[in-house]
Amino acid sequence: MTAGTLGHVYLVDDDPSIRRALKSSLTELGYTVNEYESSKAFLTDAVPISPAVVLLDMRMPAQPGIETQVTLAKHGWQTPVIFISGESLAPQIVTAMKQGAIDFLFKPFSMQDLLQAIERGIALDRQLHAQSVRLNTAKARFALLTPRESEVCIEILSGRSNKEIASLSGSAAATIKLHRSRVLTKMQVKSLSALIALCEGVNLHAKDPLAPKSND
């Protein structure tokens, strides 16, 4: 399933009348909506979609929303969470926000407040998804480098020049220049700045420690 024009909303609330009203309004506005009557149903049946937000009722009989938030984090779900609640204690609200919720709305809330929260969540999820794609792309391309190229790539990213890398490895500067060119080609970037942007935040490790080699 793909998100609607504006994005997707996972609606988790044990009150069927609230689910019906919110689903109808959000669908009319251009969102796709999946509704769940419990946290268990959501955690069991939900399929990852992006960009999206989780609209989560705090107080549900079987499992409170705050526990669902913890479970999502444990399973690596980064989808932004917006809590809705008829009544909640201050410690619950503080905990929810500390755990990464982007907003906490008390019923009855205005549609304007809800839409503003959803728009912020969708924008954040777009950023998180783009970052995840970039990280995975960088790792996949880095895996295609030879051991020697991986070493040179990491030294390039650390800011060392061709001459410095050559001195460290005992190679000719011309050889390092060739490896550098191959690194940029395999990483599918045209410049050092593009390579740095692609690999920012990626934990890369050389396949072999950089050391003098007789055959490059």
N, C-alpha and C. Protein backbone atom coordinates (compact mmCIF):
# COMPACT_ATOMS: atom_id res chain seq x y z
N MET A 1 0.84 -1.20 0.00
CA MET A 1 0.00 0.00 0.00
C MET A 1 0.87 1.24 0.00
N THR A 2 0.49 2.26 -0.74
CA THR A 2 1.24 3.51 -0.79
C THR A 2 0.49 4.61 -0.06
N ALA A 3 1.26 5.60 0.40
CA ALA A 3 0.65 6.71 1.11
C ALA A 3 -0.15 7.57 0.13
N GLY A 4 -1.14 8.29 0.69
CA GLY A 4 -1.94 9.17 -0.15
C GLY A 4 -1.13 10.38 -0.58
N THR A 5 -1.79 11.30 -1.26
CA THR A 5 -1.11 12.49 -1.75
C THR A 5 -0.41 13.25 -0.63
N LEU A 6 -1.06 13.36 0.51
CA LEU A 6 -0.51 14.11 1.63
C LEU A 6 0.28 13.23 2.59
N GLY A 7 0.06 11.93 2.56
CA GLY A 7 0.73 11.02 3.47
C GLY A 7 -0.25 10.02 4.05
N HIS A 8 0.26 9.21 4.99
CA HIS A 8 -0.55 8.14 5.57
C HIS A 8 -0.70 8.35 7.07
N VAL A 9 -1.86 7.95 7.59
CA VAL A 9 -2.12 8.05 9.03
C VAL A 9 -2.52 6.68 9.56
N TYR A 10 -1.76 6.20 10.56
CA TYR A 10 -2.16 5.01 11.31
C TYR A 10 -3.00 5.52 12.47
N LEU A 11 -4.27 5.18 12.48
CA LEU A 11 -5.19 5.69 13.51
C LEU A 11 -5.49 4.56 14.51
N VAL A 12 -5.00 4.72 15.73
CA VAL A 12 -5.14 3.68 16.75
C VAL A 12 -5.95 4.23 17.92
N ASP A 13 -7.22 3.79 18.04
CA ASP A 13 -8.11 4.29 19.09
C ASP A 13 -9.19 3.25 19.33
N ASP A 14 -9.54 3.01 20.58
CA ASP A 14 -10.54 1.98 20.89
C ASP A 14 -11.97 2.50 20.75
N ASP A 15 -12.13 3.78 20.46
CA ASP A 15 -13.47 4.37 20.30
C ASP A 15 -13.84 4.37 18.82
N PRO A 16 -14.80 3.51 18.42
CA PRO A 16 -15.15 3.41 17.00
C PRO A 16 -15.71 4.71 16.41
N SER A 17 -16.41 5.50 17.21
CA SER A 17 -16.99 6.75 16.69
C SER A 17 -15.87 7.75 16.36
N ILE A 18 -14.84 7.79 17.17
CA ILE A 18 -13.70 8.69 16.90
C ILE A 18 -12.96 8.21 15.66
N ARG A 19 -12.79 6.90 15.54
CA ARG A 19 -12.10 6.36 14.36
C ARG A 19 -12.86 6.70 13.09
N ARG A 20 -14.17 6.53 13.12
CA ARG A 20 -14.98 6.81 11.93
C ARG A 20 -14.88 8.28 11.54
N ALA A 21 -15.03 9.17 12.53
CA ALA A 21 -15.02 10.60 12.25
C ALA A 21 -13.67 11.06 11.72
N LEU A 22 -12.60 10.63 12.37
CA LEU A 22 -11.27 11.06 11.94
C LEU A 22 -10.89 10.47 10.59
N LYS A 23 -11.22 9.21 10.38
CA LYS A 23 -10.89 8.58 9.10
C LYS A 23 -11.62 9.28 7.96
N SER A 24 -12.88 9.59 8.18
CA SER A 24 -13.67 10.26 7.14
C SER A 24 -13.08 11.63 6.81
N SER A 25 -12.75 12.41 7.83
CA SER A 25 -12.23 13.76 7.62
C SER A 25 -10.86 13.73 6.95
N LEU A 26 -9.98 12.86 7.42
CA LEU A 26 -8.61 12.81 6.89
C LEU A 26 -8.58 12.26 5.47
N THR A 27 -9.44 11.29 5.20
CA THR A 27 -9.51 10.73 3.85
C THR A 27 -10.00 11.78 2.87
N GLU A 28 -10.98 12.56 3.29
CA GLU A 28 -11.51 13.63 2.44
C GLU A 28 -10.43 14.64 2.08
N LEU A 29 -9.51 14.86 3.01
CA LEU A 29 -8.45 15.85 2.81
C LEU A 29 -7.31 15.33 1.94
N GLY A 30 -7.26 14.01 1.71
CA GLY A 30 -6.23 13.46 0.84
C GLY A 30 -5.25 12.51 1.49
N TYR A 31 -5.47 12.20 2.78
CA TYR A 31 -4.61 11.23 3.45
C TYR A 31 -5.15 9.82 3.25
N THR A 32 -4.27 8.84 3.26
CA THR A 32 -4.74 7.46 3.37
C THR A 32 -4.73 7.13 4.85
N VAL A 33 -5.71 6.35 5.28
CA VAL A 33 -5.85 6.07 6.72
C VAL A 33 -6.11 4.59 6.94
N ASN A 34 -5.37 3.98 7.84
CA ASN A 34 -5.67 2.64 8.34
C ASN A 34 -6.05 2.77 9.80
N GLU A 35 -7.18 2.21 10.18
CA GLU A 35 -7.64 2.33 11.56
C GLU A 35 -7.50 1.01 12.30
N TYR A 36 -7.21 1.10 13.60
CA TYR A 36 -7.01 -0.08 14.46
C TYR A 36 -7.71 0.17 15.78
N GLU A 37 -8.39 -0.86 16.27
CA GLU A 37 -9.15 -0.71 17.50
C GLU A 37 -8.31 -0.92 18.75
N SER A 38 -7.08 -1.38 18.58
CA SER A 38 -6.21 -1.63 19.73
C SER A 38 -4.75 -1.56 19.30
N SER A 39 -3.90 -1.42 20.29
CA SER A 39 -2.47 -1.43 20.00
C SER A 39 -2.04 -2.77 19.44
N LYS A 40 -2.64 -3.85 19.97
CA LYS A 40 -2.29 -5.19 19.50
C LYS A 40 -2.60 -5.34 18.02
N ALA A 41 -3.77 -4.86 17.59
CA ALA A 41 -4.14 -4.95 16.18
C ALA A 41 -3.18 -4.15 15.31
N PHE A 42 -2.81 -2.97 15.79
CA PHE A 42 -1.88 -2.13 15.05
C PHE A 42 -0.52 -2.80 14.92
N LEU A 43 0.02 -3.28 16.04
CA LEU A 43 1.36 -3.90 16.03
C LEU A 43 1.38 -5.19 15.22
N THR A 44 0.23 -5.86 15.14
CA THR A 44 0.16 -7.13 14.40
C THR A 44 -0.04 -6.92 12.91
N ASP A 45 -0.89 -5.96 12.54
CA ASP A 45 -1.34 -5.85 11.16
C ASP A 45 -0.72 -4.71 10.34
N ALA A 46 -0.17 -3.71 11.01
CA ALA A 46 0.31 -2.54 10.27
C ALA A 46 1.49 -2.87 9.37
N VAL A 47 1.46 -2.32 8.17
CA VAL A 47 2.54 -2.48 7.19
C VAL A 47 3.26 -1.14 7.08
N PRO A 48 4.61 -1.16 7.13
CA PRO A 48 5.35 0.11 7.06
C PRO A 48 5.04 0.91 5.79
N ILE A 49 4.67 2.16 5.96
CA ILE A 49 4.38 3.08 4.87
C ILE A 49 5.07 4.41 5.18
N SER A 50 5.53 5.09 4.17
CA SER A 50 6.15 6.40 4.39
C SER A 50 5.82 7.31 3.21
N PRO A 51 5.56 8.59 3.51
CA PRO A 51 5.59 9.24 4.82
C PRO A 51 4.30 8.98 5.59
N ALA A 52 4.41 8.92 6.91
CA ALA A 52 3.25 8.59 7.73
C ALA A 52 3.41 9.12 9.14
N VAL A 53 2.30 9.10 9.88
CA VAL A 53 2.32 9.38 11.31
C VAL A 53 1.44 8.34 12.00
N VAL A 54 1.69 8.15 13.28
CA VAL A 54 0.84 7.29 14.10
C VAL A 54 0.01 8.18 15.01
N LEU A 55 -1.30 8.14 14.85
CA LEU A 55 -2.22 8.89 15.71
C LEU A 55 -2.69 7.90 16.77
N LEU A 56 -2.16 8.03 17.98
CA LEU A 56 -2.26 6.97 18.99
C LEU A 56 -2.98 7.43 20.25
N ASP A 57 -4.05 6.73 20.59
CA ASP A 57 -4.79 7.01 21.82
C ASP A 57 -3.93 6.58 23.02
N MET A 58 -3.83 7.45 24.00
CA MET A 58 -3.00 7.14 25.17
C MET A 58 -3.62 6.08 26.05
N ARG A 59 -4.95 6.17 26.25
CA ARG A 59 -5.60 5.29 27.22
C ARG A 59 -6.47 4.27 26.50
N MET A 60 -5.93 3.05 26.40
CA MET A 60 -6.69 1.93 25.83
C MET A 60 -6.61 0.77 26.81
N PRO A 61 -7.69 -0.03 26.88
CA PRO A 61 -7.79 -1.07 27.91
C PRO A 61 -6.62 -2.07 27.95
N ALA A 62 -6.30 -2.68 26.83
CA ALA A 62 -5.31 -3.76 26.85
C ALA A 62 -3.88 -3.26 27.00
N GLN A 63 -3.52 -2.25 26.24
CA GLN A 63 -2.15 -1.74 26.27
C GLN A 63 -2.16 -0.23 26.08
N PRO A 64 -1.70 0.52 27.08
CA PRO A 64 -1.67 1.98 26.96
C PRO A 64 -0.80 2.40 25.78
N GLY A 65 -1.12 3.56 25.22
CA GLY A 65 -0.38 4.04 24.07
C GLY A 65 1.10 4.22 24.35
N ILE A 66 1.43 4.60 25.57
CA ILE A 66 2.83 4.85 25.90
C ILE A 66 3.66 3.56 25.81
N GLU A 67 3.03 2.42 26.11
CA GLU A 67 3.72 1.13 25.98
C GLU A 67 3.87 0.76 24.50
N THR A 68 2.88 1.10 23.72
CA THR A 68 2.95 0.86 22.28
C THR A 68 4.09 1.66 21.67
N GLN A 69 4.26 2.89 22.14
CA GLN A 69 5.35 3.74 21.67
C GLN A 69 6.70 3.07 21.93
N VAL A 70 6.86 2.48 23.10
CA VAL A 70 8.11 1.79 23.46
C VAL A 70 8.32 0.58 22.54
N THR A 71 7.25 -0.17 22.30
CA THR A 71 7.34 -1.35 21.44
C THR A 71 7.76 -0.97 20.02
N LEU A 72 7.19 0.11 19.51
CA LEU A 72 7.55 0.58 18.17
C LEU A 72 9.04 0.90 18.09
N ALA A 73 9.54 1.58 19.10
CA ALA A 73 10.97 1.94 19.13
C ALA A 73 11.85 0.70 19.16
N LYS A 74 11.44 -0.30 19.94
CA LYS A 74 12.22 -1.54 20.03
C LYS A 74 12.29 -2.26 18.69
N HIS A 75 11.24 -2.12 17.88
CA HIS A 75 11.21 -2.79 16.57
C HIS A 75 11.76 -1.90 15.45
N GLY A 76 12.31 -0.76 15.81
CA GLY A 76 12.95 0.09 14.81
C GLY A 76 12.02 0.98 14.01
N TRP A 77 10.76 1.10 14.44
CA TRP A 77 9.82 1.99 13.74
C TRP A 77 10.14 3.42 14.13
N GLN A 78 10.41 4.25 13.14
CA GLN A 78 10.71 5.66 13.40
C GLN A 78 9.54 6.58 13.07
N THR A 79 8.42 6.00 12.68
CA THR A 79 7.26 6.82 12.30
C THR A 79 6.86 7.74 13.45
N PRO A 80 6.77 9.05 13.21
CA PRO A 80 6.42 10.00 14.27
C PRO A 80 5.07 9.67 14.90
N VAL A 81 5.01 9.85 16.23
CA VAL A 81 3.79 9.53 17.00
C VAL A 81 3.14 10.80 17.52
N ILE A 82 1.82 10.88 17.33
CA ILE A 82 1.01 11.96 17.90
C ILE A 82 0.03 11.30 18.87
N PHE A 83 0.08 11.68 20.13
CA PHE A 83 -0.85 11.11 21.11
C PHE A 83 -2.13 11.93 21.17
N ILE A 84 -3.25 11.20 21.32
CA ILE A 84 -4.53 11.84 21.60
C ILE A 84 -5.09 11.20 22.86
N SER A 85 -5.75 12.00 23.70
CA SER A 85 -6.21 11.46 24.97
C SER A 85 -7.35 12.29 25.53
N GLY A 86 -8.28 11.59 26.18
CA GLY A 86 -9.37 12.27 26.86
C GLY A 86 -8.87 12.88 28.16
N GLU A 87 -8.02 12.13 28.84
CA GLU A 87 -7.39 12.61 30.07
C GLU A 87 -6.13 11.80 30.32
N SER A 88 -5.07 12.47 30.71
CA SER A 88 -3.80 11.80 31.00
C SER A 88 -3.10 12.54 32.12
N LEU A 89 -2.30 11.79 32.86
CA LEU A 89 -1.54 12.38 33.95
C LEU A 89 -0.29 13.07 33.39
N ALA A 90 0.15 14.09 34.09
CA ALA A 90 1.32 14.84 33.65
C ALA A 90 2.55 13.94 33.42
N PRO A 91 2.81 12.97 34.32
CA PRO A 91 3.98 12.10 34.09
C PRO A 91 3.88 11.32 32.77
N GLN A 92 2.67 10.91 32.40
CA GLN A 92 2.49 10.20 31.13
C GLN A 92 2.84 11.10 29.94
N ILE A 93 2.41 12.33 30.02
CA ILE A 93 2.68 13.28 28.93
C ILE A 93 4.18 13.54 28.81
N VAL A 94 4.82 13.75 29.96
CA VAL A 94 6.26 14.01 29.97
C VAL A 94 7.01 12.81 29.39
N THR A 95 6.62 11.61 29.82
CA THR A 95 7.29 10.39 29.33
C THR A 95 7.10 10.24 27.83
N ALA A 96 5.88 10.46 27.36
CA ALA A 96 5.58 10.34 25.92
C ALA A 96 6.45 11.28 25.10
N MET A 97 6.59 12.51 25.57
CA MET A 97 7.39 13.49 24.82
C MET A 97 8.88 13.16 24.89
N LYS A 98 9.33 12.68 26.03
CA LYS A 98 10.74 12.28 26.17
C LYS A 98 11.06 11.10 25.26
N GLN A 99 10.04 10.26 25.03
CA GLN A 99 10.24 9.09 24.17
C GLN A 99 10.10 9.43 22.68
N GLY A 100 9.90 10.71 22.39
CA GLY A 100 9.94 11.13 20.99
C GLY A 100 8.62 11.52 20.36
N ALA A 101 7.51 11.52 21.10
CA ALA A 101 6.24 11.95 20.51
C ALA A 101 6.37 13.39 20.04
N ILE A 102 5.73 13.71 18.91
CA ILE A 102 5.87 15.07 18.38
C ILE A 102 4.76 16.00 18.87
N ASP A 103 3.68 15.42 19.43
CA ASP A 103 2.61 16.26 19.97
C ASP A 103 1.71 15.44 20.87
N PHE A 104 0.93 16.13 21.72
CA PHE A 104 -0.01 15.48 22.62
C PHE A 104 -1.28 16.33 22.60
N LEU A 105 -2.36 15.77 22.04
CA LEU A 105 -3.61 16.50 21.89
C LEU A 105 -4.69 15.94 22.81
N PHE A 106 -5.37 16.84 23.52
CA PHE A 106 -6.44 16.40 24.40
C PHE A 106 -7.79 16.46 23.69
N LYS A 107 -8.56 15.39 23.81
CA LYS A 107 -9.91 15.37 23.25
C LYS A 107 -10.81 16.26 24.10
N PRO A 108 -11.71 17.03 23.50
CA PRO A 108 -11.85 17.20 22.05
C PRO A 108 -10.84 18.23 21.53
N PHE A 109 -10.13 17.88 20.48
CA PHE A 109 -9.15 18.80 19.90
C PHE A 109 -9.71 19.35 18.60
N SER A 110 -9.18 20.48 18.19
CA SER A 110 -9.66 21.08 16.94
C SER A 110 -9.00 20.37 15.75
N MET A 111 -9.70 20.37 14.62
CA MET A 111 -9.15 19.76 13.41
C MET A 111 -7.90 20.52 12.97
N GLN A 112 -7.87 21.80 13.20
CA GLN A 112 -6.71 22.61 12.82
C GLN A 112 -5.47 22.16 13.59
N ASP A 113 -5.63 21.97 14.90
CA ASP A 113 -4.50 21.52 15.72
C ASP A 113 -4.03 20.14 15.27
N LEU A 114 -4.98 19.27 14.97
CA LEU A 114 -4.63 17.92 14.54
C LEU A 114 -3.87 17.96 13.21
N LEU A 115 -4.37 18.73 12.26
CA LEU A 115 -3.74 18.80 10.94
C LEU A 115 -2.34 19.40 11.02
N GLN A 116 -2.17 20.38 11.89
CA GLN A 116 -0.83 20.97 12.05
C GLN A 116 0.15 19.93 12.60
N ALA A 117 -0.31 19.13 13.56
CA ALA A 117 0.54 18.09 14.13
C ALA A 117 0.86 17.02 13.08
N ILE A 118 -0.15 16.63 12.31
CA ILE A 118 0.05 15.61 11.28
C ILE A 118 1.03 16.12 10.21
N GLU A 119 0.87 17.37 9.81
CA GLU A 119 1.77 17.94 8.79
C GLU A 119 3.21 17.95 9.28
N ARG A 120 3.42 18.29 10.55
CA ARG A 120 4.78 18.27 11.12
C ARG A 120 5.33 16.85 11.12
N GLY A 121 4.48 15.90 11.50
CA GLY A 121 4.90 14.51 11.54
C GLY A 121 5.24 13.96 10.17
N ILE A 122 4.42 14.29 9.18
CA ILE A 122 4.66 13.83 7.81
C ILE A 122 5.97 14.40 7.29
N ALA A 123 6.20 15.69 7.55
CA ALA A 123 7.44 16.34 7.09
C ALA A 123 8.65 15.67 7.74
N LEU A 124 8.55 15.38 9.04
CA LEU A 124 9.65 14.71 9.74
C LEU A 124 9.89 13.32 9.18
N ASP A 125 8.81 12.59 8.91
CA ASP A 125 8.97 11.23 8.39
C ASP A 125 9.58 11.22 7.00
N ARG A 126 9.27 12.23 6.20
CA ARG A 126 9.90 12.34 4.88
C ARG A 126 11.42 12.48 5.05
N GLN A 127 11.83 13.31 6.00
CA GLN A 127 13.26 13.51 6.26
C GLN A 127 13.91 12.22 6.75
N LEU A 128 13.25 11.53 7.68
CA LEU A 128 13.80 10.29 8.23
C LEU A 128 13.92 9.22 7.15
N HIS A 129 12.90 9.16 6.28
CA HIS A 129 12.92 8.16 5.21
C HIS A 129 14.04 8.46 4.22
N ALA A 130 14.19 9.73 3.85
CA ALA A 130 15.25 10.11 2.92
C ALA A 130 16.62 9.81 3.50
N GLN A 131 16.77 10.06 4.79
CA GLN A 131 18.05 9.78 5.45
C GLN A 131 18.33 8.28 5.47
N SER A 132 17.31 7.49 5.75
CA SER A 132 17.46 6.03 5.77
C SER A 132 17.87 5.50 4.40
N VAL A 133 17.24 6.03 3.36
CA VAL A 133 17.57 5.62 1.99
C VAL A 133 19.02 5.97 1.68
N ARG A 134 19.43 7.18 2.07
CA ARG A 134 20.81 7.61 1.82
C ARG A 134 21.82 6.72 2.54
N LEU A 135 21.57 6.42 3.81
CA LEU A 135 22.48 5.58 4.58
C LEU A 135 22.61 4.19 3.97
N ASN A 136 21.47 3.62 3.60
CA ASN A 136 21.49 2.27 3.00
C ASN A 136 22.19 2.28 1.65
N THR A 137 21.98 3.35 0.88
CA THR A 137 22.63 3.47 -0.43
C THR A 137 24.15 3.56 -0.26
N ALA A 138 24.60 4.39 0.69
CA ALA A 138 26.03 4.54 0.93
C ALA A 138 26.66 3.21 1.35
N LYS A 139 25.99 2.48 2.23
CA LYS A 139 26.52 1.20 2.68
C LYS A 139 26.60 0.19 1.54
N ALA A 140 25.57 0.17 0.71
CA ALA A 140 25.52 -0.79 -0.40
C ALA A 140 26.63 -0.49 -1.41
N ARG A 141 26.84 0.79 -1.71
CA ARG A 141 27.88 1.15 -2.67
C ARG A 141 29.28 0.91 -2.08
N PHE A 142 29.44 1.20 -0.79
CA PHE A 142 30.73 1.00 -0.13
C PHE A 142 31.10 -0.49 -0.14
N ALA A 143 30.09 -1.35 -0.04
CA ALA A 143 30.34 -2.80 -0.04
C ALA A 143 30.93 -3.28 -1.36
N LEU A 144 30.76 -2.51 -2.43
CA LEU A 144 31.27 -2.89 -3.75
C LEU A 144 32.74 -2.52 -3.93
N LEU A 145 33.29 -1.73 -3.02
CA LEU A 145 34.69 -1.34 -3.12
C LEU A 145 35.61 -2.51 -2.77
N THR A 146 36.78 -2.53 -3.41
CA THR A 146 37.79 -3.53 -3.04
C THR A 146 38.33 -3.14 -1.67
N PRO A 147 39.02 -4.06 -0.98
CA PRO A 147 39.61 -3.71 0.31
C PRO A 147 40.48 -2.46 0.25
N ARG A 148 41.31 -2.36 -0.80
CA ARG A 148 42.19 -1.21 -0.94
C ARG A 148 41.38 0.06 -1.17
N GLU A 149 40.35 -0.02 -1.99
CA GLU A 149 39.51 1.15 -2.26
C GLU A 149 38.76 1.59 -1.00
N SER A 150 38.34 0.62 -0.20
CA SER A 150 37.63 0.97 1.04
C SER A 150 38.54 1.74 1.99
N GLU A 151 39.82 1.32 2.03
CA GLU A 151 40.80 2.03 2.86
C GLU A 151 40.97 3.47 2.39
N VAL A 152 41.16 3.62 1.08
CA VAL A 152 41.35 4.94 0.50
C VAL A 152 40.11 5.81 0.71
N CYS A 153 38.94 5.23 0.57
CA CYS A 153 37.69 5.97 0.76
C CYS A 153 37.62 6.56 2.16
N ILE A 154 37.94 5.75 3.15
CA ILE A 154 37.86 6.22 4.53
C ILE A 154 38.91 7.30 4.80
N GLU A 155 40.10 7.15 4.23
CA GLU A 155 41.13 8.16 4.40
C GLU A 155 40.73 9.47 3.71
N ILE A 156 40.09 9.36 2.56
CA ILE A 156 39.59 10.55 1.86
C ILE A 156 38.57 11.28 2.75
N LEU A 157 37.64 10.50 3.32
CA LEU A 157 36.59 11.09 4.16
C LEU A 157 37.17 11.71 5.43
N SER A 158 38.33 11.22 5.87
CA SER A 158 38.96 11.79 7.07
C SER A 158 39.67 13.10 6.77
N GLY A 159 39.77 13.45 5.47
CA GLY A 159 40.36 14.72 5.09
C GLY A 159 41.79 14.65 4.61
N ARG A 160 42.33 13.43 4.48
CA ARG A 160 43.72 13.30 4.03
C ARG A 160 43.82 13.50 2.52
N SER A 161 44.92 14.11 2.11
CA SER A 161 45.17 14.32 0.68
C SER A 161 45.76 13.06 0.07
N ASN A 162 45.86 13.04 -1.27
CA ASN A 162 46.47 11.89 -1.96
C ASN A 162 47.88 11.65 -1.47
N LYS A 163 48.65 12.74 -1.30
CA LYS A 163 50.03 12.60 -0.85
C LYS A 163 50.12 12.02 0.55
N GLU A 164 49.24 12.47 1.43
CA GLU A 164 49.24 11.97 2.81
C GLU A 164 48.87 10.49 2.86
N ILE A 165 47.91 10.09 2.04
CA ILE A 165 47.50 8.68 2.00
C ILE A 165 48.63 7.84 1.41
N ALA A 166 49.28 8.37 0.39
CA ALA A 166 50.39 7.66 -0.23
C ALA A 166 51.52 7.46 0.77
N SER A 167 51.81 8.49 1.55
CA SER A 167 52.87 8.40 2.54
C SER A 167 52.52 7.39 3.62
N LEU A 168 51.27 7.36 4.02
CA LEU A 168 50.82 6.44 5.06
C LEU A 168 50.89 4.99 4.60
N SER A 169 50.58 4.76 3.34
CA SER A 169 50.49 3.40 2.83
C SER A 169 51.74 2.92 2.10
N GLY A 170 52.65 3.86 1.82
CA GLY A 170 53.84 3.48 1.07
C GLY A 170 53.57 3.30 -0.41
N SER A 171 52.49 3.86 -0.89
CA SER A 171 52.13 3.77 -2.31
C SER A 171 52.53 5.05 -3.03
N ALA A 172 52.53 4.98 -4.33
CA ALA A 172 52.79 6.16 -5.14
C ALA A 172 51.55 7.05 -5.15
N ALA A 173 51.75 8.36 -5.16
CA ALA A 173 50.63 9.29 -5.18
C ALA A 173 49.73 9.06 -6.38
N ALA A 174 50.35 8.67 -7.52
CA ALA A 174 49.56 8.41 -8.73
C ALA A 174 48.63 7.22 -8.53
N THR A 175 49.11 6.23 -7.77
CA THR A 175 48.29 5.05 -7.50
C THR A 175 47.09 5.42 -6.63
N ILE A 176 47.34 6.24 -5.62
CA ILE A 176 46.26 6.68 -4.75
C ILE A 176 45.25 7.51 -5.53
N LYS A 177 45.75 8.32 -6.47
CA LYS A 177 44.86 9.12 -7.31
C LYS A 177 43.94 8.21 -8.13
N LEU A 178 44.49 7.10 -8.62
CA LEU A 178 43.69 6.15 -9.38
C LEU A 178 42.62 5.51 -8.49
N HIS A 179 43.03 5.10 -7.28
CA HIS A 179 42.06 4.51 -6.34
C HIS A 179 40.96 5.51 -6.00
N ARG A 180 41.35 6.76 -5.82
CA ARG A 180 40.38 7.82 -5.50
C ARG A 180 39.35 7.94 -6.61
N SER A 181 39.81 7.91 -7.85
CA SER A 181 38.90 8.01 -8.99
C SER A 181 37.93 6.84 -9.01
N ARG A 182 38.45 5.63 -8.73
CA ARG A 182 37.60 4.45 -8.71
C ARG A 182 36.58 4.51 -7.58
N VAL A 183 37.01 5.06 -6.45
CA VAL A 183 36.10 5.21 -5.31
C VAL A 183 34.92 6.10 -5.69
N LEU A 184 35.22 7.26 -6.28
CA LEU A 184 34.15 8.18 -6.67
C LEU A 184 33.22 7.55 -7.69
N THR A 185 33.79 6.77 -8.62
CA THR A 185 32.97 6.13 -9.64
C THR A 185 32.04 5.09 -9.02
N LYS A 186 32.59 4.23 -8.15
CA LYS A 186 31.78 3.17 -7.56
C LYS A 186 30.77 3.71 -6.54
N MET A 187 31.11 4.81 -5.88
CA MET A 187 30.18 5.42 -4.93
C MET A 187 29.16 6.30 -5.67
N GLN A 188 29.34 6.43 -7.00
CA GLN A 188 28.43 7.15 -7.89
C GLN A 188 28.28 8.62 -7.50
N VAL A 189 29.43 9.25 -7.22
CA VAL A 189 29.46 10.68 -6.94
C VAL A 189 30.53 11.31 -7.82
N LYS A 190 30.44 12.63 -8.02
CA LYS A 190 31.36 13.31 -8.93
C LYS A 190 32.41 14.15 -8.21
N SER A 191 32.28 14.28 -6.89
CA SER A 191 33.22 15.13 -6.17
C SER A 191 33.38 14.66 -4.73
N LEU A 192 34.42 15.18 -4.08
CA LEU A 192 34.65 14.85 -2.68
C LEU A 192 33.50 15.35 -1.82
N SER A 193 33.00 16.54 -2.11
CA SER A 193 31.90 17.09 -1.32
C SER A 193 30.65 16.22 -1.42
N ALA A 194 30.40 15.66 -2.60
CA ALA A 194 29.24 14.78 -2.79
C ALA A 194 29.45 13.47 -2.04
N LEU A 195 30.69 12.98 -2.02
CA LEU A 195 31.01 11.76 -1.27
C LEU A 195 30.79 11.98 0.23
N ILE A 196 31.23 13.12 0.72
CA ILE A 196 31.06 13.45 2.14
C ILE A 196 29.57 13.53 2.49
N ALA A 197 28.79 14.18 1.61
CA ALA A 197 27.36 14.32 1.85
C ALA A 197 26.67 12.96 1.86
N LEU A 198 27.07 12.08 0.95
CA LEU A 198 26.47 10.75 0.87
C LEU A 198 26.78 9.93 2.12
N CYS A 199 27.99 10.05 2.62
CA CYS A 199 28.45 9.17 3.72
C CYS A 199 28.29 9.77 5.10
N GLU A 200 27.74 10.98 5.19
CA GLU A 200 27.58 11.61 6.50
C GLU A 200 26.73 10.74 7.43
N GLY A 201 27.26 10.44 8.59
CA GLY A 201 26.52 9.64 9.57
C GLY A 201 26.58 8.15 9.36
N VAL A 202 27.29 7.70 8.31
CA VAL A 202 27.40 6.28 8.02
C VAL A 202 28.65 5.73 8.71
N ASN A 203 28.51 4.64 9.44
CA ASN A 203 29.63 4.04 10.15
C ASN A 203 30.35 3.07 9.21
N LEU A 204 31.37 3.56 8.52
CA LEU A 204 32.09 2.75 7.54
C LEU A 204 33.40 2.24 8.14
N HIS A 205 33.74 1.01 7.80
CA HIS A 205 34.98 0.42 8.27
C HIS A 205 35.75 -0.13 7.08
N ALA A 206 37.06 0.17 7.03
CA ALA A 206 37.90 -0.37 5.96
C ALA A 206 37.94 -1.89 6.11
N LYS A 207 37.99 -2.57 4.97
CA LYS A 207 38.00 -4.03 4.99
C LYS A 207 39.33 -4.59 5.46
N ASP A 208 40.41 -3.80 5.32
CA ASP A 208 41.74 -4.14 5.83
C ASP A 208 42.38 -2.87 6.35
N PRO A 209 43.17 -2.95 7.43
CA PRO A 209 43.85 -1.75 7.90
C PRO A 209 44.77 -1.19 6.82
N LEU A 210 44.84 0.14 6.74
CA LEU A 210 45.70 0.76 5.75
C LEU A 210 47.16 0.56 6.15
N ALA A 211 47.95 -0.06 5.29
CA ALA A 211 49.35 -0.32 5.60
C ALA A 211 50.10 -0.43 4.29
N PRO A 212 51.43 -0.25 4.33
CA PRO A 212 52.23 -0.37 3.08
C PRO A 212 51.98 -1.67 2.38
N LYS A 213 51.77 -1.61 1.06
CA LYS A 213 51.53 -2.81 0.26
C LYS A 213 52.42 -2.79 -0.96
N SER A 214 52.91 -3.95 -1.32
CA SER A 214 53.82 -4.03 -2.46
C SER A 214 53.07 -4.03 -3.79
N ASN A 215 51.78 -4.38 -3.74
CA ASN A 215 51.02 -4.48 -4.97
C ASN A 215 49.69 -3.77 -4.83
N ASP A 216 49.53 -2.63 -5.47
CA ASP A 216 48.28 -1.87 -5.40
C ASP A 216 47.38 -2.21 -6.55
